[in-house]
PDB file of all heavy atoms in Angstrom:
ATOM      1  N   MET A   1      59.016  -0.274 -23.663  1.00  0.00           N
ATOM      2  CA  MET A   1      57.899   0.274 -24.434  1.00  0.00           C
ATOM      3  C   MET A   1      57.188  -0.823 -25.226  1.00  0.00           C
ATOM      4  O   MET A   1      55.952  -0.880 -25.276  1.00  0.00           O
ATOM      5  CB  MET A   1      58.412   1.346 -25.389  1.00  0.00           C
ATOM      6  CG  MET A   1      58.779   2.658 -24.736  1.00  0.00           C
ATOM      7  SD  MET A   1      57.339   3.665 -24.318  1.00  0.00           S
ATOM      8  CE  MET A   1      56.889   4.301 -25.942  1.00  0.00           C
ATOM      9  N   VAL A   2      57.954  -1.717 -25.847  1.00  0.00           N
ATOM     10  CA  VAL A   2      57.352  -2.820 -26.597  1.00  0.00           C
ATOM     11  C   VAL A   2      56.550  -3.722 -25.668  1.00  0.00           C
ATOM     12  O   VAL A   2      55.403  -4.095 -25.960  1.00  0.00           O
ATOM     13  CB  VAL A   2      58.449  -3.642 -27.326  1.00  0.00           C
ATOM     14  CG1 VAL A   2      57.848  -4.896 -27.961  1.00  0.00           C
ATOM     15  CG2 VAL A   2      59.127  -2.793 -28.397  1.00  0.00           C
ATOM     16  N   LEU A   3      57.121  -4.077 -24.519  1.00  0.00           N
ATOM     17  CA  LEU A   3      56.478  -5.011 -23.604  1.00  0.00           C
ATOM     18  C   LEU A   3      55.245  -4.417 -22.928  1.00  0.00           C
ATOM     19  O   LEU A   3      54.241  -5.110 -22.738  1.00  0.00           O
ATOM     20  CB  LEU A   3      57.479  -5.465 -22.530  1.00  0.00           C
ATOM     21  CG  LEU A   3      58.634  -6.350 -23.023  1.00  0.00           C
ATOM     22  CD1 LEU A   3      59.658  -6.544 -21.905  1.00  0.00           C
ATOM     23  CD2 LEU A   3      58.112  -7.702 -23.493  1.00  0.00           C
ATOM     24  N   GLU A   4      55.320  -3.160 -22.554  1.00  0.00           N
ATOM     25  CA  GLU A   4      54.250  -2.589 -21.734  1.00  0.00           C
ATOM     26  C   GLU A   4      53.155  -1.892 -22.522  1.00  0.00           C
ATOM     27  O   GLU A   4      52.031  -1.776 -22.030  1.00  0.00           O
ATOM     28  CB  GLU A   4      54.847  -1.630 -20.701  1.00  0.00           C
ATOM     29  CG  GLU A   4      55.743  -2.349 -19.694  1.00  0.00           C
ATOM     30  CD  GLU A   4      56.114  -1.482 -18.506  1.00  0.00           C
ATOM     31  OE1 GLU A   4      55.633  -0.333 -18.418  1.00  0.00           O
ATOM     32  OE2 GLU A   4      56.899  -1.974 -17.669  1.00  0.00           O
ATOM     33  N   THR A   5      53.460  -1.435 -23.742  1.00  0.00           N
ATOM     34  CA  THR A   5      52.403  -0.773 -24.522  1.00  0.00           C
ATOM     35  C   THR A   5      51.651  -1.748 -25.414  1.00  0.00           C
ATOM     36  O   THR A   5      50.506  -1.494 -25.785  1.00  0.00           O
ATOM     37  CB  THR A   5      52.978   0.339 -25.418  1.00  0.00           C
ATOM     38  OG1 THR A   5      53.810  -0.242 -26.435  1.00  0.00           O
ATOM     39  CG2 THR A   5      53.780   1.339 -24.594  1.00  0.00           C
ATOM     40  N   GLY A   6      52.311  -2.858 -25.782  1.00  0.00           N
ATOM     41  CA  GLY A   6      51.682  -3.811 -26.691  1.00  0.00           C
ATOM     42  C   GLY A   6      51.639  -3.321 -28.125  1.00  0.00           C
ATOM     43  O   GLY A   6      51.042  -3.968 -28.994  1.00  0.00           O
ATOM     44  N   ARG A   7      52.260  -2.177 -28.411  1.00  0.00           N
ATOM     45  CA  ARG A   7      52.255  -1.635 -29.775  1.00  0.00           C
ATOM     46  C   ARG A   7      53.294  -2.344 -30.639  1.00  0.00           C
ATOM     47  O   ARG A   7      54.298  -2.844 -30.133  1.00  0.00           O
ATOM     48  CB  ARG A   7      52.530  -0.132 -29.740  1.00  0.00           C
ATOM     49  CG  ARG A   7      51.411   0.671 -29.093  1.00  0.00           C
ATOM     50  CD  ARG A   7      51.818   2.113 -28.832  1.00  0.00           C
ATOM     51  NE  ARG A   7      52.129   2.849 -30.069  1.00  0.00           N
ATOM     52  CZ  ARG A   7      52.568   4.106 -30.081  1.00  0.00           C
ATOM     53  NH1 ARG A   7      52.756   4.751 -28.921  1.00  0.00           N
ATOM     54  NH2 ARG A   7      52.817   4.714 -31.234  1.00  0.00           N
ATOM     55  N   HIS A   8      53.051  -2.387 -31.929  1.00  0.00           N
ATOM     56  CA  HIS A   8      53.979  -3.013 -32.867  1.00  0.00           C
ATOM     57  C   HIS A   8      55.291  -2.236 -32.860  1.00  0.00           C
ATOM     58  O   HIS A   8      55.285  -0.993 -32.840  1.00  0.00           O
ATOM     59  CB  HIS A   8      53.376  -3.010 -34.270  1.00  0.00           C
ATOM     60  CG  HIS A   8      54.129  -3.824 -35.257  1.00  0.00           C
ATOM     61  ND1 HIS A   8      55.306  -3.399 -35.830  1.00  0.00           N
ATOM     62  CD2 HIS A   8      53.877  -5.055 -35.787  1.00  0.00           C
ATOM     63  CE1 HIS A   8      55.752  -4.323 -36.665  1.00  0.00           C
ATOM     64  NE2 HIS A   8      54.903  -5.343 -36.652  1.00  0.00           N
ATOM     65  N   PRO A   9      56.441  -2.931 -32.869  1.00  0.00           N
ATOM     66  CA  PRO A   9      57.723  -2.210 -32.881  1.00  0.00           C
ATOM     67  C   PRO A   9      57.852  -1.219 -34.033  1.00  0.00           C
ATOM     68  O   PRO A   9      58.438  -0.137 -33.863  1.00  0.00           O
ATOM     69  CB  PRO A   9      58.747  -3.341 -33.021  1.00  0.00           C
ATOM     70  CG  PRO A   9      58.075  -4.541 -32.436  1.00  0.00           C
ATOM     71  CD  PRO A   9      56.623  -4.394 -32.765  1.00  0.00           C
ATOM     72  N   GLY A  10      57.301  -1.556 -35.194  1.00  0.00           N
ATOM     73  CA  GLY A  10      57.349  -0.632 -36.324  1.00  0.00           C
ATOM     74  C   GLY A  10      56.569   0.639 -36.048  1.00  0.00           C
ATOM     75  O   GLY A  10      56.977   1.742 -36.455  1.00  0.00           O
ATOM     76  N   ASP A  11      55.445   0.509 -35.354  1.00  0.00           N
ATOM     77  CA  ASP A  11      54.629   1.674 -34.993  1.00  0.00           C
ATOM     78  C   ASP A  11      55.393   2.571 -34.021  1.00  0.00           C
ATOM     79  O   ASP A  11      55.392   3.810 -34.154  1.00  0.00           O
ATOM     80  CB  ASP A  11      53.315   1.188 -34.380  1.00  0.00           C
ATOM     81  CG  ASP A  11      52.393   2.325 -33.985  1.00  0.00           C
ATOM     82  OD1 ASP A  11      52.387   3.356 -34.682  1.00  0.00           O
ATOM     83  OD2 ASP A  11      51.673   2.187 -32.970  1.00  0.00           O
ATOM     84  N   LEU A  12      56.066   1.947 -33.040  1.00  0.00           N
ATOM     85  CA  LEU A  12      56.847   2.726 -32.080  1.00  0.00           C
ATOM     86  C   LEU A  12      58.025   3.417 -32.770  1.00  0.00           C
ATOM     87  O   LEU A  12      58.369   4.552 -32.434  1.00  0.00           O
ATOM     88  CB  LEU A  12      57.357   1.807 -30.958  1.00  0.00           C
ATOM     89  CG  LEU A  12      56.277   1.260 -30.020  1.00  0.00           C
ATOM     90  CD1 LEU A  12      56.838   0.171 -29.121  1.00  0.00           C
ATOM     91  CD2 LEU A  12      55.678   2.379 -29.174  1.00  0.00           C
ATOM     92  N   LYS A  13      58.630   2.725 -33.729  1.00  0.00           N
ATOM     93  CA  LYS A  13      59.722   3.333 -34.497  1.00  0.00           C
ATOM     94  C   LYS A  13      59.217   4.543 -35.273  1.00  0.00           C
ATOM     95  O   LYS A  13      59.853   5.610 -35.266  1.00  0.00           O
ATOM     96  CB  LYS A  13      60.321   2.295 -35.451  1.00  0.00           C
ATOM     97  CG  LYS A  13      61.447   2.776 -36.344  1.00  0.00           C
ATOM     98  CD  LYS A  13      60.941   3.176 -37.727  1.00  0.00           C
ATOM     99  CE  LYS A  13      60.423   1.981 -38.509  1.00  0.00           C
ATOM    100  NZ  LYS A  13      59.896   2.365 -39.845  1.00  0.00           N
ATOM    101  N   ASP A  14      58.058   4.401 -35.942  1.00  0.00           N
ATOM    102  CA  ASP A  14      57.500   5.510 -36.722  1.00  0.00           C
ATOM    103  C   ASP A  14      57.208   6.721 -35.854  1.00  0.00           C
ATOM    104  O   ASP A  14      57.345   7.870 -36.299  1.00  0.00           O
ATOM    105  CB  ASP A  14      56.221   5.062 -37.431  1.00  0.00           C
ATOM    106  CG  ASP A  14      56.487   4.095 -38.571  1.00  0.00           C
ATOM    107  OD1 ASP A  14      57.666   3.950 -38.956  1.00  0.00           O
ATOM    108  OD2 ASP A  14      55.517   3.482 -39.064  1.00  0.00           O
ATOM    109  N   ALA A  15      56.813   6.466 -34.601  1.00  0.00           N
ATOM    110  CA  ALA A  15      56.469   7.568 -33.703  1.00  0.00           C
ATOM    111  C   ALA A  15      57.679   8.438 -33.360  1.00  0.00           C
ATOM    112  O   ALA A  15      57.526   9.596 -32.963  1.00  0.00           O
ATOM    113  CB  ALA A  15      55.842   7.020 -32.420  1.00  0.00           C
ATOM    114  N   VAL A  16      58.878   7.880 -33.498  1.00  0.00           N
ATOM    115  CA  VAL A  16      60.095   8.643 -33.203  1.00  0.00           C
ATOM    116  C   VAL A  16      60.617   9.376 -34.442  1.00  0.00           C
ATOM    117  O   VAL A  16      61.409  10.313 -34.351  1.00  0.00           O
ATOM    118  CB  VAL A  16      61.196   7.705 -32.651  1.00  0.00           C
ATOM    119  CG1 VAL A  16      62.388   8.499 -32.128  1.00  0.00           C
ATOM    120  CG2 VAL A  16      60.656   6.821 -31.531  1.00  0.00           C
ATOM    121  N   CYS A  17      60.148   8.948 -35.619  1.00  0.00           N
ATOM    122  CA  CYS A  17      60.689   9.466 -36.880  1.00  0.00           C
ATOM    123  C   CYS A  17      59.975  10.745 -37.340  1.00  0.00           C
ATOM    124  O   CYS A  17      59.040  10.703 -38.152  1.00  0.00           O
ATOM    125  CB  CYS A  17      60.597   8.394 -37.964  1.00  0.00           C
ATOM    126  SG  CYS A  17      61.699   6.997 -37.701  1.00  0.00           S
ATOM    127  N   THR A  18      60.417  11.880 -36.842  1.00  0.00           N
ATOM    128  CA  THR A  18      59.893  13.163 -37.303  1.00  0.00           C
ATOM    129  C   THR A  18      60.291  13.373 -38.773  1.00  0.00           C
ATOM    130  O   THR A  18      61.446  13.115 -39.136  1.00  0.00           O
ATOM    131  CB  THR A  18      60.473  14.303 -36.449  1.00  0.00           C
ATOM    132  OG1 THR A  18      60.172  14.060 -35.079  1.00  0.00           O
ATOM    133  CG2 THR A  18      59.901  15.651 -36.876  1.00  0.00           C
ATOM    134  N   PRO A  19      59.362  13.818 -39.604  1.00  0.00           N
ATOM    135  CA  PRO A  19      59.704  14.055 -41.017  1.00  0.00           C
ATOM    136  C   PRO A  19      60.923  14.963 -41.167  1.00  0.00           C
ATOM    137  O   PRO A  19      60.977  16.063 -40.589  1.00  0.00           O
ATOM    138  CB  PRO A  19      58.441  14.728 -41.575  1.00  0.00           C
ATOM    139  CG  PRO A  19      57.336  14.166 -40.726  1.00  0.00           C
ATOM    140  CD  PRO A  19      57.926  14.048 -39.351  1.00  0.00           C
ATOM    141  N   GLY A  20      61.913  14.486 -41.922  1.00  0.00           N
ATOM    142  CA  GLY A  20      63.116  15.270 -42.146  1.00  0.00           C
ATOM    143  C   GLY A  20      64.036  15.383 -40.949  1.00  0.00           C
ATOM    144  O   GLY A  20      64.969  16.180 -40.965  1.00  0.00           O
ATOM    145  N   GLY A  21      63.770  14.582 -39.906  1.00  0.00           N
ATOM    146  CA  GLY A  21      64.547  14.721 -38.676  1.00  0.00           C
ATOM    147  C   GLY A  21      65.748  13.790 -38.585  1.00  0.00           C
ATOM    148  O   GLY A  21      66.110  13.095 -39.534  1.00  0.00           O
ATOM    149  N   THR A  22      66.349  13.761 -37.404  1.00  0.00           N
ATOM    150  CA  THR A  22      67.566  12.968 -37.197  1.00  0.00           C
ATOM    151  C   THR A  22      67.281  11.465 -37.202  1.00  0.00           C
ATOM    152  O   THR A  22      68.086  10.670 -37.697  1.00  0.00           O
ATOM    153  CB  THR A  22      68.219  13.338 -35.853  1.00  0.00           C
ATOM    154  OG1 THR A  22      67.282  13.105 -34.784  1.00  0.00           O
ATOM    155  CG2 THR A  22      68.642  14.800 -35.843  1.00  0.00           C
ATOM    156  N   THR A  23      66.145  11.065 -36.630  1.00  0.00           N
ATOM    157  CA  THR A  23      65.864   9.629 -36.504  1.00  0.00           C
ATOM    158  C   THR A  23      65.667   8.972 -37.858  1.00  0.00           C
ATOM    159  O   THR A  23      66.225   7.900 -38.130  1.00  0.00           O
ATOM    160  CB  THR A  23      64.615   9.392 -35.627  1.00  0.00           C
ATOM    161  OG1 THR A  23      64.771  10.069 -34.385  1.00  0.00           O
ATOM    162  CG2 THR A  23      64.424   7.907 -35.371  1.00  0.00           C
ATOM    163  N   ILE A  24      64.881   9.613 -38.745  1.00  0.00           N
ATOM    164  CA  ILE A  24      64.642   9.014 -40.056  1.00  0.00           C
ATOM    165  C   ILE A  24      65.938   8.983 -40.869  1.00  0.00           C
ATOM    166  O   ILE A  24      66.153   8.063 -41.686  1.00  0.00           O
ATOM    167  CB  ILE A  24      63.514   9.754 -40.820  1.00  0.00           C
ATOM    168  CG1 ILE A  24      63.068   8.932 -42.035  1.00  0.00           C
ATOM    169  CG2 ILE A  24      63.941  11.152 -41.200  1.00  0.00           C
ATOM    170  CD1 ILE A  24      62.522   7.565 -41.717  1.00  0.00           C
ATOM    171  N   ALA A  25      66.824   9.936 -40.621  1.00  0.00           N
ATOM    172  CA  ALA A  25      68.126   9.912 -41.290  1.00  0.00           C
ATOM    173  C   ALA A  25      68.925   8.686 -40.839  1.00  0.00           C
ATOM    174  O   ALA A  25      69.574   8.004 -41.648  1.00  0.00           O
ATOM    175  CB  ALA A  25      68.904  11.184 -41.000  1.00  0.00           C
ATOM    176  N   GLY A  26      68.867   8.410 -39.534  1.00  0.00           N
ATOM    177  CA  GLY A  26      69.560   7.239 -39.005  1.00  0.00           C
ATOM    178  C   GLY A  26      68.938   5.941 -39.482  1.00  0.00           C
ATOM    179  O   GLY A  26      69.642   4.990 -39.831  1.00  0.00           O
ATOM    180  N   VAL A  27      67.594   5.878 -39.504  1.00  0.00           N
ATOM    181  CA  VAL A  27      66.897   4.691 -39.980  1.00  0.00           C
ATOM    182  C   VAL A  27      67.245   4.416 -41.447  1.00  0.00           C
ATOM    183  O   VAL A  27      67.484   3.274 -41.849  1.00  0.00           O
ATOM    184  CB  VAL A  27      65.369   4.850 -39.805  1.00  0.00           C
ATOM    185  CG1 VAL A  27      64.614   3.765 -40.570  1.00  0.00           C
ATOM    186  CG2 VAL A  27      65.005   4.800 -38.321  1.00  0.00           C
ATOM    187  N   THR A  28      67.277   5.472 -42.231  1.00  0.00           N
ATOM    188  CA  THR A  28      67.636   5.326 -43.648  1.00  0.00           C
ATOM    189  C   THR A  28      69.036   4.741 -43.807  1.00  0.00           C
ATOM    190  O   THR A  28      69.273   3.865 -44.649  1.00  0.00           O
ATOM    191  CB  THR A  28      67.557   6.696 -44.361  1.00  0.00           C
ATOM    192  OG1 THR A  28      66.220   7.200 -44.263  1.00  0.00           O
ATOM    193  CG2 THR A  28      67.941   6.574 -45.823  1.00  0.00           C
TER     194      THR A  28
END
């Protein structure tokens, strides 16, 4: 995803982090 979309890794990370969801809990 990083190589082929050219998007910033932080932007791609944010896209997975649903508010109050499992991913943001893990990131925290």
